[in-house]
Every structure is written in structure tokens, then in C-alpha cells.
Protein backbone atom coordinates (compact mmCIF):
# COMPACT_ATOMS: atom_id res chain seq x y z
CA MET A 1 -61.47 31.89 -9.55
CA ALA A 2 -60.15 35.39 -10.43
CA LYS A 3 -60.63 36.65 -6.87
CA LYS A 4 -58.76 33.65 -5.49
CA PHE A 5 -55.88 34.27 -7.88
CA LEU A 6 -55.75 37.96 -6.86
CA VAL A 7 -55.54 37.08 -3.18
CA LEU A 8 -52.72 34.62 -3.79
CA THR A 9 -50.84 37.16 -5.91
CA CYS A 10 -51.11 39.89 -3.26
CA SER A 11 -49.94 37.45 -0.59
CA ALA A 12 -46.95 36.49 -2.68
CA LEU A 13 -46.00 40.15 -3.28
CA LEU A 14 -46.29 40.94 0.44
CA ALA A 15 -44.07 37.97 1.31
CA ALA A 16 -41.49 39.09 -1.23
CA GLN A 17 -41.44 42.65 0.15
CA MET A 18 -41.00 41.40 3.71
CA ALA A 19 -38.11 39.14 2.63
CA ALA A 20 -36.37 41.79 0.53
CA PRO A 21 -34.58 43.66 3.36
CA HIS A 22 -33.29 40.37 4.75
CA ALA A 23 -32.01 39.29 1.30
CA ALA A 24 -30.24 42.60 0.80
CA TRP A 25 -28.65 42.35 4.25
CA ALA A 26 -27.43 38.78 3.47
CA GLU A 27 -25.80 39.99 0.23
CA ASP A 28 -23.95 42.73 2.07
CA GLU A 29 -22.10 40.18 4.25
CA ALA A 30 -18.72 39.02 3.00
CA PHE A 31 -18.82 35.37 1.90
CA VAL A 32 -16.12 33.28 3.55
CA PRO A 33 -15.64 29.94 1.74
CA GLU A 34 -14.94 26.88 3.81
CA LYS A 35 -11.42 25.57 3.42
CA ILE A 36 -11.10 21.85 2.75
CA SER A 37 -7.80 20.30 3.73
CA ALA A 38 -6.22 16.90 4.32
CA LYS A 39 -3.60 15.72 6.74
CA GLU A 40 -0.11 15.65 5.30
CA HIS A 41 0.68 12.47 7.22
CA VAL A 42 -1.30 9.43 8.26
CA ASP A 43 -1.67 9.10 12.03
CA PRO A 44 1.34 7.20 13.42
CA GLY A 45 1.13 3.85 15.16
CA PRO A 46 0.44 0.20 14.29
CA LYS A 47 -2.03 -0.34 11.47
CA VAL A 48 -4.35 -2.93 10.00
CA PHE A 49 -4.51 -2.95 6.20
CA VAL A 50 -7.63 -4.29 4.47
CA ASN A 51 -7.92 -4.88 0.73
CA VAL A 52 -11.42 -3.87 -0.41
CA GLN A 53 -11.92 -5.48 -3.81
CA ASN A 54 -14.29 -3.97 -6.36
CA TRP A 55 -15.65 -6.47 -8.89
CA SER A 56 -17.73 -3.96 -10.88
CA GLY A 57 -14.85 -2.28 -12.71
CA GLY A 58 -14.66 0.69 -10.33
CA PRO A 59 -11.97 1.53 -7.81
CA SER A 60 -10.72 -0.92 -5.21
CA VAL A 61 -8.96 0.48 -2.15
CA VAL A 62 -6.56 -0.61 0.54
CA ARG A 63 -7.98 0.93 3.68
CA MET A 64 -5.72 1.63 6.65
CA TYR A 65 -7.15 1.31 10.16
CA SER A 66 -5.64 2.16 13.51
CA ALA A 67 -4.68 -1.15 15.14
CA ASP A 68 -5.89 0.33 18.43
CA ASP A 69 -9.54 1.23 17.80
CA LEU A 70 -9.96 0.41 14.06
CA SER A 71 -10.64 4.01 13.12
CA VAL A 72 -9.82 4.77 9.46
CA VAL A 73 -6.51 6.62 9.09
CA GLY A 74 -5.95 6.51 5.33
CA THR A 75 -6.65 4.85 1.97
CA ALA A 76 -4.74 3.89 -1.17
CA ASP A 77 -6.79 3.49 -4.35
CA ALA A 78 -6.60 1.05 -7.25
CA GLY A 79 -8.65 -0.33 -10.14
CA ALA A 80 -10.83 -3.44 -10.35
CA GLN A 81 -10.19 -6.79 -8.62
CA SER A 82 -7.16 -5.70 -6.62
CA HIS A 83 -4.48 -7.77 -4.86
CA PHE A 84 -2.09 -6.27 -2.34
CA ALA A 85 1.07 -6.74 -0.30
CA ILE A 86 2.58 -4.68 2.52
CA SER A 87 6.31 -4.25 3.13
CA GLY A 88 7.69 -5.82 6.30
CA ASP A 89 8.16 -2.43 7.96
CA GLY A 90 4.66 -1.32 6.97
CA LYS A 91 5.92 1.75 5.11
CA THR A 92 4.98 0.69 1.56
CA ILE A 93 1.75 -0.59 0.01
CA TYR A 94 1.81 -2.55 -3.24
CA ILE A 95 -1.48 -2.90 -5.16
CA VAL A 96 -2.03 -4.72 -8.47
CA SER A 97 -5.35 -4.24 -10.26
CA GLY A 98 -7.06 -3.90 -13.64
CA TYR A 99 -8.31 -0.88 -15.58
CA TYR A 100 -10.82 -1.45 -18.38
CA SER A 101 -12.26 0.88 -21.01
CA ARG A 102 -15.84 -0.26 -20.30
CA LEU A 103 -15.32 -0.70 -16.54
CA SER A 104 -15.75 -4.48 -16.56
CA SER A 105 -14.86 -5.21 -20.19
CA GLY A 106 -13.20 -3.72 -23.27
CA THR A 107 -9.52 -2.99 -23.62
CA GLY A 108 -7.57 -3.18 -20.40
CA GLU A 109 -4.28 -2.87 -18.60
CA HIS A 110 -2.84 -4.30 -15.42
CA VAL A 111 -0.83 -1.97 -13.25
CA LEU A 112 1.24 -2.16 -10.07
CA ARG A 113 0.74 0.95 -7.95
CA ILE A 114 3.13 1.67 -5.08
CA PHE A 115 2.09 3.92 -2.18
CA ASP A 116 3.92 5.52 0.71
CA THR A 117 2.03 4.56 3.87
CA ASP A 118 3.03 7.66 5.85
CA THR A 119 1.39 10.05 3.38
CA ALA A 120 -0.98 7.65 1.57
CA THR A 121 0.40 9.01 -1.71
CA LEU A 122 1.23 7.22 -4.96
CA THR A 123 5.00 7.07 -5.52
CA LYS A 124 5.33 4.85 -8.61
CA GLU A 125 3.41 2.87 -11.22
CA ILE A 126 4.73 -0.14 -13.16
CA GLN A 127 2.93 -1.56 -16.18
CA LEU A 128 2.40 -5.33 -16.00
CA PRO A 129 1.43 -7.89 -18.65
CA LEU A 130 -2.34 -8.12 -19.07
CA LYS A 131 -2.36 -11.50 -17.36
CA VAL A 132 -2.92 -10.88 -13.64
CA THR A 133 -5.38 -13.35 -12.14
CA GLN A 134 -8.77 -11.71 -11.59
CA TYR A 135 -9.80 -13.77 -8.60
CA THR A 136 -11.01 -13.37 -5.04
CA ASP A 137 -8.01 -11.90 -3.25
CA ASP A 138 -5.65 -14.12 -1.30
CA ALA A 139 -2.27 -13.18 0.16
CA ALA A 140 -0.75 -16.02 -1.91
CA LEU A 141 -1.56 -14.19 -5.15
CA MET A 142 1.03 -11.46 -4.60
CA GLN A 143 4.15 -11.81 -2.48
CA LEU A 144 7.44 -10.01 -1.88
CA SER A 145 10.78 -11.81 -1.95
CA ALA A 146 12.57 -12.12 1.41
CA ASP A 147 14.76 -9.07 0.71
CA GLU A 148 11.85 -7.21 -0.97
CA LYS A 149 13.87 -6.79 -4.17
CA TYR A 150 11.26 -8.66 -6.21
CA LEU A 151 7.47 -8.75 -6.23
CA TYR A 152 5.82 -11.96 -7.45
CA VAL A 153 2.37 -11.61 -9.08
CA GLN A 154 0.08 -14.54 -9.91
CA ASN A 155 -1.19 -14.71 -13.50
CA ALA A 156 -4.04 -16.73 -15.03
CA THR A 157 -5.13 -16.43 -18.68
CA PRO A 158 -6.27 -19.23 -17.80
CA ALA A 159 -2.71 -20.59 -18.25
CA THR A 160 -0.91 -19.98 -14.96
CA SER A 161 2.39 -18.14 -14.55
CA VAL A 162 4.06 -15.62 -12.25
CA THR A 163 5.26 -12.16 -13.22
CA VAL A 164 8.51 -11.24 -11.48
CA VAL A 165 8.79 -7.48 -10.91
CA ASP A 166 12.21 -5.96 -10.18
CA LEU A 167 11.27 -3.25 -7.68
CA GLU A 168 14.74 -1.69 -7.69
CA LYS A 169 14.69 -1.17 -11.47
CA GLY A 170 10.93 -0.54 -11.64
CA GLU A 171 10.37 -3.07 -14.42
CA VAL A 172 9.22 -6.60 -15.17
CA ALA A 173 12.16 -9.03 -14.97
CA GLN A 174 10.46 -12.10 -16.44
CA GLU A 175 7.36 -14.30 -16.56
CA VAL A 176 7.77 -17.74 -14.98
CA PRO A 177 5.40 -20.38 -16.43
CA SER A 178 3.80 -22.69 -13.86
CA PRO A 179 1.25 -24.87 -15.70
CA GLY A 180 -1.21 -26.55 -13.38
CA CYS A 181 0.11 -24.73 -10.30
CA PHE A 182 -1.22 -21.74 -8.35
CA GLY A 183 -0.23 -19.58 -5.37
CA ILE A 184 3.09 -18.00 -4.38
CA TYR A 185 5.05 -18.98 -1.23
CA PRO A 186 8.46 -17.22 -1.07
CA THR A 187 11.44 -18.70 0.74
CA LEU A 188 12.85 -16.92 3.78
CA LYS A 189 16.22 -16.50 2.06
CA GLY A 190 17.22 -15.83 -1.53
CA HIS A 191 14.92 -15.45 -4.52
CA ALA A 192 12.78 -18.56 -4.70
CA TYR A 193 9.14 -19.45 -4.17
CA SER A 194 6.97 -22.56 -4.19
CA THR A 195 3.56 -23.04 -5.77
CA ILE A 196 0.74 -25.57 -5.19
CA CYS A 197 0.10 -27.98 -8.07
CA GLY A 198 -3.14 -29.71 -8.96
CA ASP A 199 -1.75 -33.22 -8.42
CA GLY A 200 -1.06 -32.57 -4.72
CA THR A 201 2.61 -31.66 -5.17
CA PHE A 202 4.50 -28.36 -4.92
CA THR A 203 6.96 -26.94 -7.43
CA THR A 204 9.75 -24.65 -6.22
CA MET A 205 11.08 -21.98 -8.59
CA THR A 206 14.56 -20.63 -7.87
CA LEU A 207 15.52 -17.38 -9.64
CA THR A 208 18.94 -16.19 -10.65
CA GLU A 209 20.22 -13.06 -8.90
CA ASP A 210 19.15 -10.81 -11.80
CA GLY A 211 15.67 -12.36 -11.74
CA LYS A 212 15.74 -13.17 -15.45
CA SER A 213 16.19 -16.95 -15.33
CA PHE A 214 14.98 -19.78 -13.08
CA SER A 215 15.23 -23.47 -12.31
CA SER A 216 12.49 -25.66 -10.83
CA LYS A 217 12.11 -28.74 -8.63
CA LYS A 218 8.95 -30.75 -8.00
CA SER A 219 8.10 -32.27 -4.62
CA GLU A 220 6.62 -35.62 -3.73
CA PRO A 221 2.82 -35.58 -3.23
CA VAL A 222 1.87 -33.64 -0.08
CA PHE A 223 -1.95 -33.83 -0.02
CA ASP A 224 -4.81 -35.54 -1.84
CA PRO A 225 -6.54 -32.90 -4.02
CA GLU A 226 -9.59 -35.12 -4.52
CA ASP A 227 -10.20 -36.24 -0.95
CA ASP A 228 -9.00 -33.21 1.06
CA PRO A 229 -7.67 -30.14 -0.80
CA ILE A 230 -5.68 -27.42 0.97
CA TYR A 231 -6.38 -23.69 1.01
CA LEU A 232 -4.16 -21.13 -0.67
CA SER A 233 -3.94 -19.42 2.73
CA PHE A 234 -0.68 -20.00 4.62
CA ASP A 235 1.56 -18.81 7.45
CA ARG A 236 5.01 -19.55 8.87
CA ALA A 237 5.89 -21.50 12.01
CA GLY A 238 9.57 -20.86 12.54
CA THR A 239 11.15 -21.63 9.17
CA ASP A 240 8.33 -23.97 8.08
CA LEU A 241 5.22 -23.30 6.01
CA LEU A 242 1.77 -24.04 7.42
CA PHE A 243 -1.20 -24.98 5.25
CA ILE A 244 -4.59 -26.36 6.28
CA SER A 245 -7.07 -28.57 4.46
CA TYR A 246 -10.84 -28.35 4.18
CA LYS A 247 -11.16 -31.09 6.81
CA GLY A 248 -8.84 -29.33 9.25
CA VAL A 249 -5.57 -31.16 8.58
CA VAL A 250 -2.52 -28.93 9.15
CA HIS A 251 0.36 -29.65 6.78
CA ARG A 252 3.73 -28.45 8.07
CA LEU A 253 6.21 -28.17 5.19
CA ALA A 254 9.89 -27.28 4.88
CA ASP A 255 11.15 -25.28 1.89
CA ALA A 256 14.73 -24.38 2.87
CA GLY A 257 16.28 -27.19 0.83
CA GLY A 258 15.15 -25.96 -2.57
CA VAL A 259 12.16 -28.30 -2.73
CA ILE A 260 9.09 -28.78 -0.49
CA THR A 261 9.21 -31.66 1.99
CA GLN A 262 6.54 -32.78 4.46
CA VAL A 263 7.50 -32.23 8.11
CA SER A 264 4.27 -33.33 9.81
CA THR A 265 0.48 -33.43 9.60
CA THR A 266 -1.90 -32.60 12.45
CA THR A 267 -5.68 -33.08 12.36
CA ILE A 268 -7.12 -30.40 14.63
CA THR A 269 -10.67 -31.84 14.49
CA ASP A 270 -9.75 -35.21 16.04
CA GLY A 271 -12.12 -36.05 18.90
CA VAL A 272 -14.50 -33.14 18.17
CA ASP A 273 -18.13 -34.02 17.38
CA GLY A 274 -20.09 -32.15 14.73
CA ASN A 275 -18.13 -32.79 11.48
CA TRP A 276 -16.22 -29.52 11.83
CA GLY A 277 -14.18 -28.10 8.97
CA THR A 278 -12.09 -25.06 8.14
CA SER A 279 -14.21 -22.16 6.92
CA GLY A 280 -13.36 -18.87 5.22
CA TYR A 281 -10.59 -17.31 3.14
CA THR A 282 -7.62 -16.27 5.30
CA VAL A 283 -7.77 -19.31 7.55
CA VAL A 284 -4.24 -19.97 8.82
CA SER A 285 -2.64 -17.60 11.33
CA TYR A 286 0.11 -18.64 13.72
CA ASN A 287 1.26 -16.85 16.86
CA GLU A 288 4.96 -17.68 17.08
CA PRO A 289 5.74 -16.85 20.75
CA ASN A 290 3.06 -19.20 22.07
CA GLY A 291 2.89 -21.75 19.26
CA ILE A 292 -0.84 -21.16 18.84
CA LEU A 293 -2.68 -21.59 15.54
CA PHE A 294 -5.91 -19.61 15.07
CA VAL A 295 -8.40 -21.09 12.59
CA PRO A 296 -12.00 -20.09 11.67
CA MET A 297 -14.17 -23.22 11.81
CA ALA A 298 -17.76 -24.28 11.08
CA PRO A 299 -19.77 -27.47 11.81
CA ASP A 300 -21.57 -29.76 9.34
CA ARG A 301 -18.79 -29.59 6.78
CA HIS A 302 -19.63 -30.69 3.22
CA ASP A 303 -18.33 -30.15 -0.29
CA GLY A 304 -18.57 -26.43 -1.03
CA SER A 305 -18.88 -25.28 2.57
CA HIS A 306 -15.20 -24.34 2.94
CA TYR A 307 -15.85 -20.64 2.16
CA HIS A 308 -18.89 -20.30 4.44
CA ASP A 309 -18.88 -18.07 7.52
CA ALA A 310 -17.17 -19.48 10.59
CA SER A 311 -19.13 -19.96 13.78
CA GLU A 312 -16.05 -20.42 15.96
CA ILE A 313 -12.39 -19.42 16.03
CA TRP A 314 -10.25 -22.26 17.34
CA ALA A 315 -7.04 -21.71 19.28
CA TYR A 316 -4.91 -24.80 18.70
CA ASP A 317 -1.62 -25.48 20.49
CA LEU A 318 0.45 -26.79 17.61
CA LYS A 319 3.50 -27.50 19.79
CA ASN A 320 1.56 -29.78 22.13
CA ASP A 321 -1.07 -30.97 19.64
CA LYS A 322 -4.03 -29.79 21.69
CA LEU A 323 -7.22 -27.81 21.04
CA LEU A 324 -7.29 -25.13 23.76
CA TYR A 325 -10.33 -22.94 23.16
CA ARG A 326 -13.27 -22.44 20.77
CA THR A 327 -14.45 -18.81 20.67
CA PRO A 328 -18.02 -18.40 19.31
CA VAL A 329 -18.26 -15.82 16.48
CA GLU A 330 -20.67 -14.72 13.77
CA GLY A 331 -19.85 -14.08 10.12
CA ILE A 332 -16.07 -14.34 10.40
CA THR A 333 -14.26 -15.48 7.22
CA SER A 334 -10.64 -14.30 7.67
CA VAL A 335 -8.34 -14.05 10.70
CA ILE A 336 -4.79 -12.87 11.42
CA THR A 337 -2.90 -12.74 14.69
CA THR A 338 -0.07 -10.54 15.86
CA ASP A 339 3.16 -12.17 17.04
CA ASP A 340 3.01 -10.59 20.48
CA LYS A 341 3.31 -12.71 23.63
CA VAL A 342 -0.22 -11.49 24.37
CA PRO A 343 -1.64 -11.67 20.86
CA THR A 344 -4.37 -9.63 19.22
CA LEU A 345 -6.67 -11.11 16.58
CA TYR A 346 -8.03 -9.14 13.63
CA ALA A 347 -10.78 -10.58 11.47
CA LEU A 348 -13.06 -9.86 8.52
CA ASP A 349 -16.81 -10.32 8.24
CA ILE A 350 -17.65 -10.20 4.51
CA GLY A 351 -21.42 -10.42 4.89
CA GLY A 352 -21.53 -7.73 7.55
CA GLY A 353 -18.90 -5.59 5.82
CA LYS A 354 -16.73 -5.27 8.93
CA VAL A 355 -13.19 -5.52 10.21
CA VAL A 356 -13.14 -6.76 13.79
CA LYS A 357 -10.59 -6.70 16.62
CA PHE A 358 -10.37 -9.38 19.33
CA ASP A 359 -8.30 -9.27 22.49
CA VAL A 360 -6.84 -12.69 23.34
CA ASP A 361 -6.24 -13.95 26.88
CA PRO A 362 -3.33 -16.44 27.19
CA GLU A 363 -4.40 -17.11 30.79
CA ALA A 364 -7.81 -18.29 29.55
CA LYS A 365 -6.53 -20.78 26.95
CA PHE A 366 -6.33 -18.03 24.30
CA ALA A 367 -10.01 -17.20 24.36
CA ALA A 368 -10.85 -14.19 22.18
CA LYS A 369 -13.12 -11.24 23.05
CA LYS A 370 -14.40 -8.72 20.49
CA VAL A 371 -13.35 -5.20 21.51
CA ALA A 372 -13.75 -3.07 18.35
CA GLU A 373 -15.13 -3.12 14.81
CA HIS A 374 -15.46 -0.80 11.82
CA ASP A 375 -17.18 -0.83 8.43
CA THR A 376 -15.14 -1.96 5.43
CA LYS A 377 -17.72 -0.93 2.79
CA GLY A 378 -16.86 -3.61 0.26
CA PHE A 379 -15.78 -7.17 -0.53
CA THR A 380 -12.90 -8.14 1.75
CA THR A 381 -11.00 -11.40 2.13
CA THR A 382 -7.44 -10.35 3.03
CA LEU A 383 -5.89 -8.17 5.71
CA ALA A 384 -2.46 -7.50 7.21
CA ALA A 385 -1.16 -5.97 10.43
CA ARG A 386 2.06 -3.97 10.64
CA PRO A 387 3.87 -1.90 13.34
């Protein structure tokens, strides 16, 4: 044993002596540290914004992707269970989220964080009442007024209300109670919004100019909440609101008169075998120039299947009441379309953790073809596209 130890020791000393000149030579060289830097400005061009919610108490982010190839061009960070809105010109990101002393519990605060898109930097924070709904994100949970003077934020404690934030003054203007109603659908003019109520009606809240008072009007019943509920998801067709039910019934509603009224209903599944139903989260997206509604759909609909992955994206001609094309897909749960004459579709795949881009061919009945995708690295249900 002693001889073996001696041999090993001598070998170790010899190795050390051979390495010594090299070590000394390495120390003589001047160390040049690597410089880490970041771009001062986000790459220009149209963008897709994806809200990546974190439900574990850690940071959520709004990730910005190039609308061209879906490469990541920037991020804006937030707290837990975030909701977001993007200004009409795409230059400002609004994120509401929670911050908790024990990550997912303990004392907490709800904060609105405002980011400049061009630099991806925080420009302002506004403290909100500790009442913001902590729910799977939907665009209807946080909306800007038509002139972007006010931001409306959905609350649930579980009592429902809406916090009205005066963005010009950087403060909360008031809290509007809305018992039994949920979702925010701003009018195209003035400072008013409608909300869906549990009895199948809508209530419209109209604010005073200073945002500190309001009046309300309740609509006649619009849908049957027991037989065929509607999604929170919505879009505009001209001046009208579009909603869709679990069974694929499109409700076209007018809100310009200070109260919601039913314009028409269209069942997009009529004549289609397979018990198809709407499927996903962001499920209503309308291309204005062509009058085409894009909807993620799945067969074998049943109670509870409305949030399952879609197996097709339907292109429905709402002007002529005709189903044009059914594009096969996998895992898609949210879709939005651009308002170009030749539209582009962007979609989310929650299970696969991806944002996906589809080119759409108007000459082929608005068939969609996947052309790009990128990881989202988190739980995603909402997205927006801006120039």
C-alpha cells in the first residue's frame, strides 16, 4: 500500500511541475472581461404581444415577438397572474398583476405597470385596490376607453366591480360595482362599457367626463346562460360587438345607444356533422375587410369541453352566412387575425407552449397555413397584434 501511495504522489508532483509554466504564462496575460450590453431600442416593425401568466407567485411577462418571423424582440415584466392591454398604436403596454409576500399568499398589492414598447422600459406604476380578479387572462378583463384616457380593470373579491384608472392623472378615479356581472366591453365613443350578467343580460355603465360617477342601464336577455353560455372573448364587426356561445352561436350586439341590443344571431355549426363546438380561450376574431370570422373549433362537444384544444380553425363568412373553410390544427386555443385584405392569423398553443403564425389565402376560401412558431415558455391565453 505504501509503495502504491508513493507512486501516486510522485506522479501528482510531476504533473504539477509540468503544468506550472503554463499556469504562470496564463497569469501573465491581461484579463479582458466580456462586456454585456442590451439594445437601447426594440427592433422596429409590427409586433405580436403575448401575455405569459405565472400562477406560482413569480414574475409574469408580456413577451414581444416580431410579427414577421415570431422572433423575440423584447419583454415587459410583472408579478403573478397578470392581465394586459396594448395601446392602439402599439407604443404602450399596460400590465396589472399581484405581488405577494409569500409568493402565492401573505400580504399583497395589485399594481398597474406601464411600459414603453420602443425601449421595453417601465415608465410608471399606479397602485390599485387589492381586488383585481386573479383569473385565467382574457382581453375582457382589462380594457382601455376609446380615447385611452381611462383603463378599466376587472375586480373579483368575489364581489365583482371595475376599477377605473385615470391614466392622465395617474390615479384611480373610482370603483364601479357590478354585482353578478363580469367582463369589460368599452364603447367606441365616450366613456362607457358593457358587462355580461349571469341572467343572460348585459349592463352598460356610462361614466361622467371626470370618471368619478356613473349611470347604468340593463338590457333585455341576450342569451340563455343555462342552455348555451357565451365566452368572455369578443371582437368588433363595424360598430357592433361579436360574441360566440359554446355551441357556436354568434351574437351580434349593438352598444351605441347606451344599452346593449341584439342585432342578429348566426349558428355557424348548422349543417355540420360531428357535434362541433367552440373551443379555447380567445375564440372570436373578425377580419373586417373581408367579413370573415375565425373561430377555433372541436368535435364531440359536451359540458366542460369549451376550453379544450381546437382541432380546426373555421373561416366563416359572416356577411353571407356561409362556412368557407376548416383548417386542421393541433393544440390551438386562441386566435387573432389582422385586419389586412390578405389577413394573417396568430394563435396560441398552451399545451405545446407556442405562439404560431398562419398565412391565410383569400383565393382558397381563407385556408390557413402555418409558417412560423416560437416558444412562449409559460401559460398563455391572450395575445394582440399591433403595427
